[in-house]
Amino acid sequence: IRKMRAALCELVIEGIDHNADFLCEVMSMEEFE
C-alpha cells in the first residue's frame, strides 16, 4: 500500500485528466487500509 501510494504520487501525466489522485484517496480510506 505504501509503495503504491508513492508510485501514484510520482506519476506525472500532463495534457489529459486522470484519476491517480482519486485512487490515492481511496487507498487512504480506513476500510481499504
All heavy atoms as atom14 arrays in JSON, in Angstrom:
{
  "sequence": "IRKMRAALCELVIEGIDHNADFLCEVMSMEEFE",
  "atom14_mask": [
    [1, 1, 1, 1, 1, 1, 1, 1, 0, 0, 0, 0, 0, 0],
    [1, 1, 1, 1, 1, 1, 1, 1, 1, 1, 1, 0, 0, 0],
    [1, 1, 1, 1, 1, 1, 1, 1, 1, 0, 0, 0, 0, 0],
    [1, 1, 1, 1, 1, 1, 1, 1, 0, 0, 0, 0, 0, 0],
    [1, 1, 1, 1, 1, 1, 1, 1, 1, 1, 1, 0, 0, 0],
    [1, 1, 1, 1, 1, 0, 0, 0, 0, 0, 0, 0, 0, 0],
    [1, 1, 1, 1, 1, 0, 0, 0, 0, 0, 0, 0, 0, 0],
    [1, 1, 1, 1, 1, 1, 1, 1, 0, 0, 0, 0, 0, 0],
    [1, 1, 1, 1, 1, 1, 0, 0, 0, 0, 0, 0, 0, 0],
    [1, 1, 1, 1, 1, 1, 1, 1, 1, 0, 0, 0, 0, 0],
    [1, 1, 1, 1, 1, 1, 1, 1, 0, 0, 0, 0, 0, 0],
    [1, 1, 1, 1, 1, 1, 1, 0, 0, 0, 0, 0, 0, 0],
    [1, 1, 1, 1, 1, 1, 1, 1, 0, 0, 0, 0, 0, 0],
    [1, 1, 1, 1, 1, 1, 1, 1, 1, 0, 0, 0, 0, 0],
    [1, 1, 1, 1, 0, 0, 0, 0, 0, 0, 0, 0, 0, 0],
    [1, 1, 1, 1, 1, 1, 1, 1, 0, 0, 0, 0, 0, 0],
    [1, 1, 1, 1, 1, 1, 1, 1, 0, 0, 0, 0, 0, 0],
    [1, 1, 1, 1, 1, 1, 1, 1, 1, 1, 0, 0, 0, 0],
    [1, 1, 1, 1, 1, 1, 1, 1, 0, 0, 0, 0, 0, 0],
    [1, 1, 1, 1, 1, 0, 0, 0, 0, 0, 0, 0, 0, 0],
    [1, 1, 1, 1, 1, 1, 1, 1, 0, 0, 0, 0, 0, 0],
    [1, 1, 1, 1, 1, 1, 1, 1, 1, 1, 1, 0, 0, 0],
    [1, 1, 1, 1, 1, 1, 1, 1, 0, 0, 0, 0, 0, 0],
    [1, 1, 1, 1, 1, 1, 0, 0, 0, 0, 0, 0, 0, 0],
    [1, 1, 1, 1, 1, 1, 1, 1, 1, 0, 0, 0, 0, 0],
    [1, 1, 1, 1, 1, 1, 1, 0, 0, 0, 0, 0, 0, 0],
    [1, 1, 1, 1, 1, 1, 1, 1, 0, 0, 0, 0, 0, 0],
    [1, 1, 1, 1, 1, 1, 0, 0, 0, 0, 0, 0, 0, 0],
    [1, 1, 1, 1, 1, 1, 1, 1, 0, 0, 0, 0, 0, 0],
    [1, 1, 1, 1, 1, 1, 1, 1, 1, 0, 0, 0, 0, 0],
    [1, 1, 1, 1, 1, 1, 1, 1, 1, 0, 0, 0, 0, 0],
    [1, 1, 1, 1, 1, 1, 1, 1, 1, 1, 1, 0, 0, 0],
    [1, 1, 1, 1, 1, 1, 1, 1, 1, 0, 0, 0, 0, 0]
  ],
  "atom14_positions": [
    [[0.84, -1.2, 0.0], [0.0, 0.0, 0.0], [0.87, 1.25, 0.0], [0.63, 2.2, -0.77], [-0.96, -0.01, 1.21], [-2.03, -1.1, 1.03], [-1.63, 1.36, 1.37], [-2.94, -1.28, 2.24], [0.0, 0.0, 0.0], [0.0, 0.0, 0.0], [0.0, 0.0, 0.0], [0.0, 0.0, 0.0], [0.0, 0.0, 0.0], [0.0, 0.0, 0.0]],
    [[1.89, 1.27, 0.84], [2.78, 2.44, 0.88], [3.51, 2.62, -0.45], [3.67, 3.75, -0.94], [3.8, 2.28, 2.02], [3.2, 2.43, 3.41], [4.28, 2.68, 4.46], [5.24, 1.58, 4.54], [5.1, 0.52, 5.34], [4.02, 0.41, 6.11], [6.01, -0.43, 5.39], [0.0, 0.0, 0.0], [0.0, 0.0, 0.0], [0.0, 0.0, 0.0]],
    [[3.94, 1.5, -1.02], [4.66, 1.57, -2.3], [3.74, 2.11, -3.4], [4.16, 2.93, -4.23], [5.2, 0.18, -2.66], [6.11, 0.18, -3.89], [6.6, -1.23, -4.2], [7.65, -1.7, -3.23], [8.95, -1.02, -3.48], [0.0, 0.0, 0.0], [0.0, 0.0, 0.0], [0.0, 0.0, 0.0], [0.0, 0.0, 0.0], [0.0, 0.0, 0.0]],
    [[2.47, 1.67, -3.4], [1.55, 2.14, -4.43], [1.23, 3.62, -4.25], [1.17, 4.37, -5.23], [0.25, 1.33, -4.4], [-0.78, 1.77, -5.45], [-0.17, 1.72, -7.17], [-0.43, -0.03, -7.53], [0.0, 0.0, 0.0], [0.0, 0.0, 0.0], [0.0, 0.0, 0.0], [0.0, 0.0, 0.0], [0.0, 0.0, 0.0], [0.0, 0.0, 0.0]],
    [[1.04, 4.05, -3.03], [0.81, 5.48, -2.81], [1.98, 6.32, -3.33], [1.79, 7.35, -3.98], [0.62, 5.75, -1.32], [-0.73, 5.32, -0.76], [-0.78, 5.64, 0.72], [-1.98, 5.16, 1.36], [-2.05, 4.78, 2.63], [-0.96, 4.8, 3.39], [-3.18, 4.35, 3.16], [0.0, 0.0, 0.0], [0.0, 0.0, 0.0], [0.0, 0.0, 0.0]],
    [[3.19, 5.86, -3.05], [4.39, 6.57, -3.53], [4.42, 6.59, -5.05], [4.76, 7.61, -5.67], [5.65, 5.91, -2.97], [0.0, 0.0, 0.0], [0.0, 0.0, 0.0], [0.0, 0.0, 0.0], [0.0, 0.0, 0.0], [0.0, 0.0, 0.0], [0.0, 0.0, 0.0], [0.0, 0.0, 0.0], [0.0, 0.0, 0.0], [0.0, 0.0, 0.0]],
    [[4.05, 5.46, -5.66], [4.06, 5.37, -7.12], [3.03, 6.31, -7.73], [3.3, 7.01, -8.73], [3.78, 3.93, -7.55], [0.0, 0.0, 0.0], [0.0, 0.0, 0.0], [0.0, 0.0, 0.0], [0.0, 0.0, 0.0], [0.0, 0.0, 0.0], [0.0, 0.0, 0.0], [0.0, 0.0, 0.0], [0.0, 0.0, 0.0], [0.0, 0.0, 0.0]],
    [[1.84, 6.36, -7.15], [0.8, 7.25, -7.66], [1.21, 8.71, -7.53], [0.92, 9.53, -8.41], [-0.51, 7.0, -6.92], [-1.21, 5.66, -7.2], [-2.37, 5.45, -6.24], [-1.69, 5.58, -8.64], [0.0, 0.0, 0.0], [0.0, 0.0, 0.0], [0.0, 0.0, 0.0], [0.0, 0.0, 0.0], [0.0, 0.0, 0.0], [0.0, 0.0, 0.0]],
    [[1.87, 9.04, -6.44], [2.35, 10.41, -6.24], [3.45, 10.79, -7.22], [3.61, 11.97, -7.59], [2.84, 10.6, -4.81], [1.51, 10.56, -3.57], [0.0, 0.0, 0.0], [0.0, 0.0, 0.0], [0.0, 0.0, 0.0], [0.0, 0.0, 0.0], [0.0, 0.0, 0.0], [0.0, 0.0, 0.0], [0.0, 0.0, 0.0], [0.0, 0.0, 0.0]],
    [[4.22, 9.81, -7.66], [5.33, 10.07, -8.59], [4.85, 10.2, -10.03], [5.51, 10.83, -10.87], [6.36, 8.94, -8.49], [7.62, 9.19, -9.3], [8.63, 8.07, -9.19], [8.56, 7.27, -8.23], [9.51, 7.98, -10.07], [0.0, 0.0, 0.0], [0.0, 0.0, 0.0], [0.0, 0.0, 0.0], [0.0, 0.0, 0.0], [0.0, 0.0, 0.0]],
    [[3.7, 9.6, -10.33], [3.19, 9.61, -11.7], [2.89, 11.03, -12.17], [2.25, 11.81, -11.46], [1.91, 8.76, -11.77], [1.17, 8.75, -13.11], [2.0, 8.01, -14.17], [-0.2, 8.11, -12.96], [0.0, 0.0, 0.0], [0.0, 0.0, 0.0], [0.0, 0.0, 0.0], [0.0, 0.0, 0.0], [0.0, 0.0, 0.0], [0.0, 0.0, 0.0]],
    [[3.36, 11.36, -13.36], [3.06, 12.65, -13.98], [2.52, 12.41, -15.38], [3.2, 11.81, -16.22], [4.31, 13.56, -14.06], [3.98, 14.87, -14.77], [4.88, 13.83, -12.68], [0.0, 0.0, 0.0], [0.0, 0.0, 0.0], [0.0, 0.0, 0.0], [0.0, 0.0, 0.0], [0.0, 0.0, 0.0], [0.0, 0.0, 0.0], [0.0, 0.0, 0.0]],
    [[1.29, 12.84, -15.62], [0.71, 12.79, -16.96], [0.06, 14.14, -17.19], [-1.0, 14.43, -16.63], [-0.34, 11.68, -17.13], [0.21, 10.31, -16.72], [-0.82, 11.62, -18.58], [-0.82, 9.18, -16.77], [0.0, 0.0, 0.0], [0.0, 0.0, 0.0], [0.0, 0.0, 0.0], [0.0, 0.0, 0.0], [0.0, 0.0, 0.0], [0.0, 0.0, 0.0]],
    [[0.68, 14.99, -18.0], [0.12, 16.31, -18.28], [-0.4, 16.35, -19.71], [0.21, 15.81, -20.63], [1.19, 17.4, -18.09], [1.61, 17.57, -16.63], [2.52, 18.76, -16.41], [2.79, 19.48, -17.39], [2.97, 18.96, -15.27], [0.0, 0.0, 0.0], [0.0, 0.0, 0.0], [0.0, 0.0, 0.0], [0.0, 0.0, 0.0], [0.0, 0.0, 0.0]],
    [[-1.55, 16.97, -19.86], [-2.19, 17.06, -21.18], [-3.56, 16.42, -21.18], [-4.41, 16.76, -22.02], [0.0, 0.0, 0.0], [0.0, 0.0, 0.0], [0.0, 0.0, 0.0], [0.0, 0.0, 0.0], [0.0, 0.0, 0.0], [0.0, 0.0, 0.0], [0.0, 0.0, 0.0], [0.0, 0.0, 0.0], [0.0, 0.0, 0.0], [0.0, 0.0, 0.0]],
    [[-3.79, 15.49, -20.25], [-5.11, 14.88, -20.09], [-5.43, 14.81, -18.59], [-4.53, 14.85, -17.75], [-5.19, 13.46, -20.68], [-4.17, 12.53, -19.99], [-5.0, 13.47, -22.19], [-4.33, 11.06, -20.33], [0.0, 0.0, 0.0], [0.0, 0.0, 0.0], [0.0, 0.0, 0.0], [0.0, 0.0, 0.0], [0.0, 0.0, 0.0], [0.0, 0.0, 0.0]],
    [[-6.7, 14.69, -18.27], [-7.1, 14.44, -16.89], [-6.94, 12.95, -16.61], [-7.08, 12.12, -17.51], [-8.56, 14.82, -16.68], [-8.82, 16.31, -16.87], [-7.94, 17.1, -16.47], [-9.88, 16.67, -17.41], [0.0, 0.0, 0.0], [0.0, 0.0, 0.0], [0.0, 0.0, 0.0], [0.0, 0.0, 0.0], [0.0, 0.0, 0.0], [0.0, 0.0, 0.0]],
    [[-6.65, 12.61, -15.35], [-6.58, 11.19, -14.97], [-6.94, 11.03, -13.5], [-7.11, 12.02, -12.77], [-5.19, 10.61, -15.27], [-4.07, 11.28, -14.54], [-3.7, 10.93, -13.26], [-3.23, 12.29, -14.92], [-2.69, 11.68, -12.89], [-2.38, 12.53, -13.86], [0.0, 0.0, 0.0], [0.0, 0.0, 0.0], [0.0, 0.0, 0.0], [0.0, 0.0, 0.0]],
    [[-7.06, 9.79, -13.06], [-7.64, 9.5, -11.75], [-6.64, 9.1, -10.68], [-7.02, 8.52, -9.66], [-8.68, 8.39, -11.9], [-8.07, 7.07, -12.37], [-6.98, 7.05, -12.94], [-8.76, 5.97, -12.15], [0.0, 0.0, 0.0], [0.0, 0.0, 0.0], [0.0, 0.0, 0.0], [0.0, 0.0, 0.0], [0.0, 0.0, 0.0], [0.0, 0.0, 0.0]],
    [[-5.34, 9.37, -10.86], [-4.33, 8.92, -9.9], [-4.57, 9.48, -8.49], [-4.46, 8.75, -7.5], [-2.93, 9.28, -10.38], [0.0, 0.0, 0.0], [0.0, 0.0, 0.0], [0.0, 0.0, 0.0], [0.0, 0.0, 0.0], [0.0, 0.0, 0.0], [0.0, 0.0, 0.0], [0.0, 0.0, 0.0], [0.0, 0.0, 0.0], [0.0, 0.0, 0.0]],
    [[-4.89, 10.75, -8.39], [-5.14, 11.35, -7.07], [-6.35, 10.71, -6.39], [-6.35, 10.46, -5.19], [-5.36, 12.86, -7.2], [-4.08, 13.62, -7.53], [-2.99, 13.03, -7.38], [-4.17, 14.79, -7.95], [0.0, 0.0, 0.0], [0.0, 0.0, 0.0], [0.0, 0.0, 0.0], [0.0, 0.0, 0.0], [0.0, 0.0, 0.0], [0.0, 0.0, 0.0]],
    [[-7.37, 10.44, -7.19], [-8.57, 9.79, -6.66], [-8.24, 8.4, -6.11], [-8.68, 8.03, -5.01], [-9.62, 9.68, -7.77], [-10.85, 8.9, -7.39], [-11.86, 9.5, -6.65], [-11.0, 7.58, -7.77], [-13.0, 8.79, -6.29], [-12.13, 6.86, -7.42], [-13.14, 7.46, -6.68], [0.0, 0.0, 0.0], [0.0, 0.0, 0.0], [0.0, 0.0, 0.0]],
    [[-7.43, 7.65, -6.83], [-7.04, 6.31, -6.38], [-6.23, 6.38, -5.09], [-6.37, 5.52, -4.21], [-6.24, 5.6, -7.48], [-7.01, 5.3, -8.76], [-6.07, 4.78, -9.84], [-8.13, 4.3, -8.51], [0.0, 0.0, 0.0], [0.0, 0.0, 0.0], [0.0, 0.0, 0.0], [0.0, 0.0, 0.0], [0.0, 0.0, 0.0], [0.0, 0.0, 0.0]],
    [[-5.38, 7.39, -4.99], [-4.59, 7.57, -3.78], [-5.5, 7.84, -2.58], [-5.27, 7.34, -1.48], [-3.62, 8.73, -3.98], [-2.1, 8.59, -3.02], [0.0, 0.0, 0.0], [0.0, 0.0, 0.0], [0.0, 0.0, 0.0], [0.0, 0.0, 0.0], [0.0, 0.0, 0.0], [0.0, 0.0, 0.0], [0.0, 0.0, 0.0], [0.0, 0.0, 0.0]],
    [[-6.55, 8.62, -2.8], [-7.51, 8.9, -1.75], [-8.25, 7.63, -1.32], [-8.48, 7.39, -0.13], [-8.52, 9.95, -2.23], [-7.93, 11.33, -2.42], [-8.88, 12.27, -3.14], [-10.07, 11.88, -3.32], [-8.47, 13.37, -3.51], [0.0, 0.0, 0.0], [0.0, 0.0, 0.0], [0.0, 0.0, 0.0], [0.0, 0.0, 0.0], [0.0, 0.0, 0.0]],
    [[-8.61, 6.81, -2.3], [-9.3, 5.55, -2.0], [-8.42, 4.65, -1.13], [-8.88, 4.05, -0.16], [-9.7, 4.81, -3.3], [-10.23, 3.41, -2.98], [-10.73, 5.61, -4.08], [0.0, 0.0, 0.0], [0.0, 0.0, 0.0], [0.0, 0.0, 0.0], [0.0, 0.0, 0.0], [0.0, 0.0, 0.0], [0.0, 0.0, 0.0], [0.0, 0.0, 0.0]],
    [[-7.14, 4.6, -1.46], [-6.22, 3.74, -0.72], [-5.94, 4.26, 0.69], [-5.36, 3.55, 1.51], [-4.92, 3.57, -1.49], [-5.11, 2.85, -2.81], [-3.56, 2.44, -3.61], [-2.93, 1.2, -2.51], [0.0, 0.0, 0.0], [0.0, 0.0, 0.0], [0.0, 0.0, 0.0], [0.0, 0.0, 0.0], [0.0, 0.0, 0.0], [0.0, 0.0, 0.0]],
    [[-6.35, 5.49, 0.96], [-6.19, 6.06, 2.3], [-7.43, 5.87, 3.16], [-7.44, 6.23, 4.33], [-5.86, 7.55, 2.2], [-4.62, 7.75, 1.55], [0.0, 0.0, 0.0], [0.0, 0.0, 0.0], [0.0, 0.0, 0.0], [0.0, 0.0, 0.0], [0.0, 0.0, 0.0], [0.0, 0.0, 0.0], [0.0, 0.0, 0.0], [0.0, 0.0, 0.0]],
    [[-8.48, 5.32, 2.58], [-9.7, 5.06, 3.35], [-9.45, 3.94, 4.35], [-8.74, 2.96, 4.06], [-10.85, 4.68, 2.42], [-11.28, 5.79, 1.49], [-12.56, 5.29, 0.3], [-13.97, 5.07, 1.41], [0.0, 0.0, 0.0], [0.0, 0.0, 0.0], [0.0, 0.0, 0.0], [0.0, 0.0, 0.0], [0.0, 0.0, 0.0], [0.0, 0.0, 0.0]],
    [[-10.0, 4.08, 5.52], [-9.76, 3.12, 6.6], [-10.13, 1.7, 6.2], [-9.39, 0.74, 6.48], [-10.54, 3.52, 7.86], [-10.28, 2.61, 9.05], [-11.05, 3.02, 10.29], [-11.7, 4.1, 10.26], [-11.03, 2.27, 11.29], [0.0, 0.0, 0.0], [0.0, 0.0, 0.0], [0.0, 0.0, 0.0], [0.0, 0.0, 0.0], [0.0, 0.0, 0.0]],
    [[-11.27, 1.54, 5.52], [-11.72, 0.2, 5.12], [-10.76, -0.45, 4.14], [-10.57, -1.66, 4.16], [-13.12, 0.28, 4.52], [-14.22, 0.52, 5.53], [-15.57, 0.67, 4.86], [-16.19, -0.35, 4.54], [-15.98, 1.83, 4.65], [0.0, 0.0, 0.0], [0.0, 0.0, 0.0], [0.0, 0.0, 0.0], [0.0, 0.0, 0.0], [0.0, 0.0, 0.0]],
    [[-10.16, 0.38, 3.26], [-9.19, -0.2, 2.35], [-7.92, -0.59, 3.1], [-7.38, -1.68, 2.9], [-8.83, 0.76, 1.21], [-7.89, 0.14, 0.2], [-8.39, -0.59, -0.86], [-6.51, 0.25, 0.35], [-7.53, -1.21, -1.77], [-5.64, -0.36, -0.55], [-6.16, -1.09, -1.61], [0.0, 0.0, 0.0], [0.0, 0.0, 0.0], [0.0, 0.0, 0.0]],
    [[-7.47, 0.27, 3.96], [-6.23, 0.01, 4.69], [-6.31, -1.27, 5.52], [-5.36, -2.03, 5.59], [-5.88, 1.2, 5.58], [-5.41, 2.42, 4.8], [-4.98, 3.55, 5.72], [-5.53, 3.64, 6.85], [-4.1, 4.33, 5.33], [0.0, 0.0, 0.0], [0.0, 0.0, 0.0], [0.0, 0.0, 0.0], [0.0, 0.0, 0.0], [0.0, 0.0, 0.0]]
  ]
}
